[in-house]
């Protein structure tokens, strides 16, 4: 069974369910249009969450890079006098 046939069958079932619920007076909000709107809203929500995660990750990476640079600078300042002592005079 291909994807289009499966999707059409699912949407037809959803429409039928929405129609039956509407006939019973329960709700008229179960249909393919409302489902598509819900999916699109959730897609945008998830994209926003992903962007937020990426921003936090990038911020932490920048903080780590700054820390590494700071440590490397301190190590260079501590080690440079030792290197001068060990290097032969020209």
N, C-alpha and C. Protein backbone atom coordinates (compact mmCIF):
# COMPACT_ATOMS: atom_id res chain seq x y z
N UNK A 1 0.86 -1.16 0.00
CA UNK A 1 0.00 0.00 0.00
C UNK A 1 0.91 1.24 0.00
N UNK A 2 0.67 2.14 -0.92
CA UNK A 2 1.53 3.32 -0.99
C UNK A 2 1.10 4.37 0.04
N UNK A 3 1.93 5.35 0.23
CA UNK A 3 1.72 6.35 1.27
C UNK A 3 0.48 7.19 1.01
N UNK A 4 0.26 7.56 -0.25
CA UNK A 4 -0.90 8.40 -0.55
C UNK A 4 -2.21 7.67 -0.24
N UNK A 5 -2.30 6.42 -0.59
CA UNK A 5 -3.51 5.65 -0.30
C UNK A 5 -3.72 5.53 1.20
N UNK A 6 -2.64 5.28 1.92
CA UNK A 6 -2.73 5.16 3.37
C UNK A 6 -3.16 6.48 4.00
N UNK A 7 -2.60 7.58 3.54
CA UNK A 7 -2.95 8.90 4.06
C UNK A 7 -4.41 9.23 3.75
N UNK A 8 -4.84 8.95 2.53
CA UNK A 8 -6.24 9.21 2.17
C UNK A 8 -7.20 8.39 3.03
N UNK A 9 -6.84 7.15 3.29
CA UNK A 9 -7.69 6.30 4.12
C UNK A 9 -7.77 6.85 5.55
N UNK A 10 -6.63 7.27 6.07
CA UNK A 10 -6.62 7.83 7.43
C UNK A 10 -7.43 9.12 7.50
N UNK A 11 -7.29 9.98 6.51
CA UNK A 11 -8.04 11.23 6.52
C UNK A 11 -9.54 11.00 6.34
N UNK A 12 -9.90 10.04 5.52
CA UNK A 12 -11.31 9.71 5.35
C UNK A 12 -11.88 9.19 6.67
N UNK A 13 -11.12 8.35 7.36
CA UNK A 13 -11.56 7.86 8.67
C UNK A 13 -11.69 8.99 9.67
N UNK A 14 -10.77 9.93 9.64
CA UNK A 14 -10.84 11.08 10.54
C UNK A 14 -12.07 11.93 10.24
N UNK A 15 -12.33 12.15 8.96
CA UNK A 15 -13.53 12.91 8.58
C UNK A 15 -14.79 12.19 9.04
N UNK A 16 -14.81 10.89 8.88
CA UNK A 16 -15.98 10.10 9.29
C UNK A 16 -16.17 10.18 10.81
N UNK A 17 -15.08 10.07 11.55
CA UNK A 17 -15.15 10.18 13.00
C UNK A 17 -15.67 11.56 13.41
N UNK A 18 -15.14 12.60 12.79
CA UNK A 18 -15.59 13.96 13.08
C UNK A 18 -17.06 14.14 12.77
N UNK A 19 -17.52 13.56 11.66
CA UNK A 19 -18.93 13.64 11.29
C UNK A 19 -19.80 12.94 12.32
N UNK A 20 -19.38 11.74 12.74
CA UNK A 20 -20.16 10.98 13.72
C UNK A 20 -20.23 11.72 15.06
N UNK A 21 -19.09 12.27 15.49
CA UNK A 21 -19.09 13.04 16.75
C UNK A 21 -19.98 14.27 16.64
N UNK A 22 -19.93 14.92 15.48
CA UNK A 22 -20.77 16.09 15.27
C UNK A 22 -22.25 15.72 15.30
N UNK A 23 -22.60 14.57 14.72
CA UNK A 23 -23.98 14.10 14.73
C UNK A 23 -24.45 13.83 16.16
N UNK A 24 -23.53 13.38 17.00
CA UNK A 24 -23.89 13.09 18.38
C UNK A 24 -23.87 14.37 19.24
N UNK A 25 -23.44 15.48 18.64
CA UNK A 25 -23.41 16.74 19.37
C UNK A 25 -22.21 16.88 20.29
N UNK A 26 -21.21 16.03 20.11
CA UNK A 26 -20.05 16.07 21.00
C UNK A 26 -19.10 17.19 20.59
N UNK A 27 -18.71 17.21 19.33
CA UNK A 27 -17.77 18.24 18.88
C UNK A 27 -17.84 18.36 17.37
N UNK A 28 -17.45 19.50 16.90
CA UNK A 28 -17.34 19.66 15.45
C UNK A 28 -15.91 20.03 15.08
N UNK A 29 -14.98 19.78 15.99
CA UNK A 29 -13.59 20.20 15.78
C UNK A 29 -12.69 19.07 15.31
N UNK A 30 -13.23 17.90 15.06
CA UNK A 30 -12.41 16.79 14.57
C UNK A 30 -12.62 16.68 13.07
N UNK A 31 -11.66 17.25 12.32
CA UNK A 31 -11.68 17.10 10.87
C UNK A 31 -10.26 17.28 10.35
N UNK A 32 -10.08 17.03 9.09
CA UNK A 32 -8.72 17.07 8.54
C UNK A 32 -8.14 18.48 8.54
N UNK A 33 -8.98 19.49 8.45
CA UNK A 33 -8.47 20.86 8.44
C UNK A 33 -7.94 21.27 9.81
N UNK A 34 -8.68 20.93 10.84
CA UNK A 34 -8.20 21.24 12.19
C UNK A 34 -6.97 20.41 12.54
N UNK A 35 -6.93 19.17 12.09
CA UNK A 35 -5.76 18.33 12.32
C UNK A 35 -4.54 18.91 11.62
N UNK A 36 -4.71 19.36 10.37
CA UNK A 36 -3.60 19.97 9.64
C UNK A 36 -3.12 21.24 10.34
N UNK A 37 -4.07 22.03 10.84
CA UNK A 37 -3.69 23.25 11.57
C UNK A 37 -2.93 22.91 12.84
N UNK A 38 -3.37 21.88 13.55
CA UNK A 38 -2.68 21.45 14.76
C UNK A 38 -1.27 20.97 14.44
N UNK A 39 -1.13 20.19 13.38
CA UNK A 39 0.19 19.69 12.99
C UNK A 39 1.11 20.84 12.61
N UNK A 40 0.60 21.80 11.87
CA UNK A 40 1.42 22.94 11.47
C UNK A 40 1.83 23.77 12.68
N UNK A 41 0.92 23.96 13.62
CA UNK A 41 1.25 24.72 14.83
C UNK A 41 2.32 24.00 15.63
N UNK A 42 2.18 22.70 15.76
CA UNK A 42 3.18 21.92 16.49
C UNK A 42 4.52 21.92 15.76
N UNK A 43 4.49 21.90 14.44
CA UNK A 43 5.72 21.95 13.66
C UNK A 43 6.47 23.26 13.96
N UNK A 44 5.74 24.36 13.97
CA UNK A 44 6.37 25.65 14.27
C UNK A 44 6.87 25.68 15.72
N UNK A 45 6.11 25.08 16.62
CA UNK A 45 6.54 25.01 18.01
C UNK A 45 7.84 24.23 18.13
N UNK A 46 7.91 23.09 17.46
CA UNK A 46 9.12 22.27 17.51
C UNK A 46 10.31 22.97 16.85
N UNK A 47 10.06 23.69 15.77
CA UNK A 47 11.14 24.45 15.13
C UNK A 47 11.68 25.51 16.10
N UNK A 48 10.78 26.16 16.82
CA UNK A 48 11.20 27.15 17.82
C UNK A 48 12.01 26.51 18.93
N UNK A 49 11.57 25.35 19.40
CA UNK A 49 12.31 24.63 20.43
C UNK A 49 13.70 24.25 19.92
N UNK A 50 13.77 23.78 18.69
CA UNK A 50 15.06 23.39 18.11
C UNK A 50 15.99 24.60 18.02
N UNK A 51 15.46 25.74 17.58
CA UNK A 51 16.27 26.96 17.51
C UNK A 51 16.77 27.36 18.90
N UNK A 52 15.92 27.20 19.91
CA UNK A 52 16.32 27.52 21.28
C UNK A 52 17.44 26.60 21.75
N UNK A 53 17.33 25.34 21.45
CA UNK A 53 18.38 24.38 21.83
C UNK A 53 19.68 24.72 21.11
N UNK A 54 19.59 25.04 19.83
CA UNK A 54 20.78 25.40 19.06
C UNK A 54 21.44 26.65 19.64
N UNK A 55 20.64 27.64 20.02
CA UNK A 55 21.19 28.88 20.59
C UNK A 55 21.90 28.60 21.91
N UNK A 56 21.28 27.76 22.76
CA UNK A 56 21.93 27.43 24.03
C UNK A 56 23.22 26.66 23.79
N UNK A 57 23.20 25.75 22.84
CA UNK A 57 24.39 24.98 22.51
C UNK A 57 25.51 25.89 22.01
N UNK A 58 25.16 26.81 21.12
CA UNK A 58 26.16 27.74 20.59
C UNK A 58 26.73 28.64 21.69
N UNK A 59 25.86 29.08 22.61
CA UNK A 59 26.33 29.91 23.71
C UNK A 59 27.31 29.14 24.60
N UNK A 60 26.97 27.90 24.91
CA UNK A 60 27.87 27.08 25.75
C UNK A 60 29.19 26.81 25.03
N UNK A 61 29.12 26.58 23.74
CA UNK A 61 30.35 26.35 22.98
C UNK A 61 31.23 27.59 22.99
N UNK A 62 30.62 28.76 22.85
CA UNK A 62 31.38 30.02 22.90
C UNK A 62 32.00 30.20 24.29
N UNK A 63 31.24 29.87 25.34
CA UNK A 63 31.79 29.97 26.69
C UNK A 63 32.96 29.01 26.87
N UNK A 64 32.83 27.82 26.36
CA UNK A 64 33.92 26.83 26.46
C UNK A 64 35.14 27.29 25.68
N UNK A 65 34.93 27.82 24.49
CA UNK A 65 36.06 28.34 23.70
C UNK A 65 36.76 29.47 24.44
N UNK A 66 36.00 30.34 25.08
CA UNK A 66 36.58 31.44 25.84
C UNK A 66 37.38 30.91 27.03
N UNK A 67 36.84 29.91 27.71
CA UNK A 67 37.54 29.30 28.84
C UNK A 67 38.84 28.64 28.40
N UNK A 68 38.79 27.92 27.29
CA UNK A 68 40.00 27.26 26.77
C UNK A 68 41.04 28.31 26.40
N UNK A 69 40.64 29.37 25.75
CA UNK A 69 41.58 30.44 25.39
C UNK A 69 42.20 31.06 26.63
N UNK A 70 41.40 31.29 27.64
CA UNK A 70 41.89 31.87 28.88
C UNK A 70 42.91 30.95 29.55
N UNK A 71 42.60 29.66 29.61
CA UNK A 71 43.51 28.69 30.23
C UNK A 71 44.80 28.59 29.42
N UNK A 72 44.68 28.56 28.10
CA UNK A 72 45.88 28.49 27.26
C UNK A 72 46.76 29.71 27.46
N UNK A 73 46.15 30.90 27.58
CA UNK A 73 46.91 32.13 27.82
C UNK A 73 47.65 32.08 29.15
N UNK A 74 46.97 31.59 30.18
CA UNK A 74 47.62 31.49 31.50
C UNK A 74 48.75 30.48 31.47
N UNK A 75 48.53 29.37 30.80
CA UNK A 75 49.59 28.35 30.70
C UNK A 75 50.78 28.92 29.95
N UNK A 76 50.54 29.64 28.88
CA UNK A 76 51.65 30.24 28.12
C UNK A 76 52.43 31.23 28.99
N UNK A 77 51.71 32.02 29.79
CA UNK A 77 52.41 32.98 30.67
C UNK A 77 53.23 32.26 31.73
N UNK A 78 52.75 31.13 32.21
CA UNK A 78 53.49 30.38 33.23
C UNK A 78 54.66 29.61 32.64
N UNK A 79 54.49 29.10 31.45
CA UNK A 79 55.50 28.24 30.85
C UNK A 79 56.57 29.05 30.11
N UNK A 80 56.27 30.24 29.65
CA UNK A 80 57.25 31.00 28.86
C UNK A 80 58.54 31.29 29.64
N UNK A 81 58.51 31.62 30.92
CA UNK A 81 59.79 31.81 31.62
C UNK A 81 60.62 30.53 31.69
N UNK A 82 59.95 29.41 31.83
CA UNK A 82 60.66 28.13 31.88
C UNK A 82 61.27 27.83 30.52
N UNK A 83 60.57 28.13 29.47
CA UNK A 83 61.12 27.92 28.12
C UNK A 83 62.34 28.81 27.88
N UNK A 84 62.29 30.02 28.37
CA UNK A 84 63.43 30.94 28.20
C UNK A 84 64.64 30.42 28.94
N UNK A 85 64.45 29.81 30.11
CA UNK A 85 65.55 29.28 30.89
C UNK A 85 66.16 28.07 30.19
N UNK A 86 65.33 27.25 29.57
CA UNK A 86 65.82 26.01 28.95
C UNK A 86 66.41 26.23 27.55
N UNK A 87 66.01 27.30 26.88
CA UNK A 87 66.50 27.52 25.52
C UNK A 87 67.95 28.06 25.59
N UNK A 88 68.81 27.59 24.68
CA UNK A 88 70.21 28.08 24.68
C UNK A 88 70.26 29.52 24.23
N UNK A 89 71.17 30.28 24.82
CA UNK A 89 71.35 31.68 24.45
C UNK A 89 72.03 31.77 23.10
N UNK A 90 71.61 32.70 22.28
CA UNK A 90 72.19 32.85 20.94
C UNK A 90 73.25 33.87 20.92
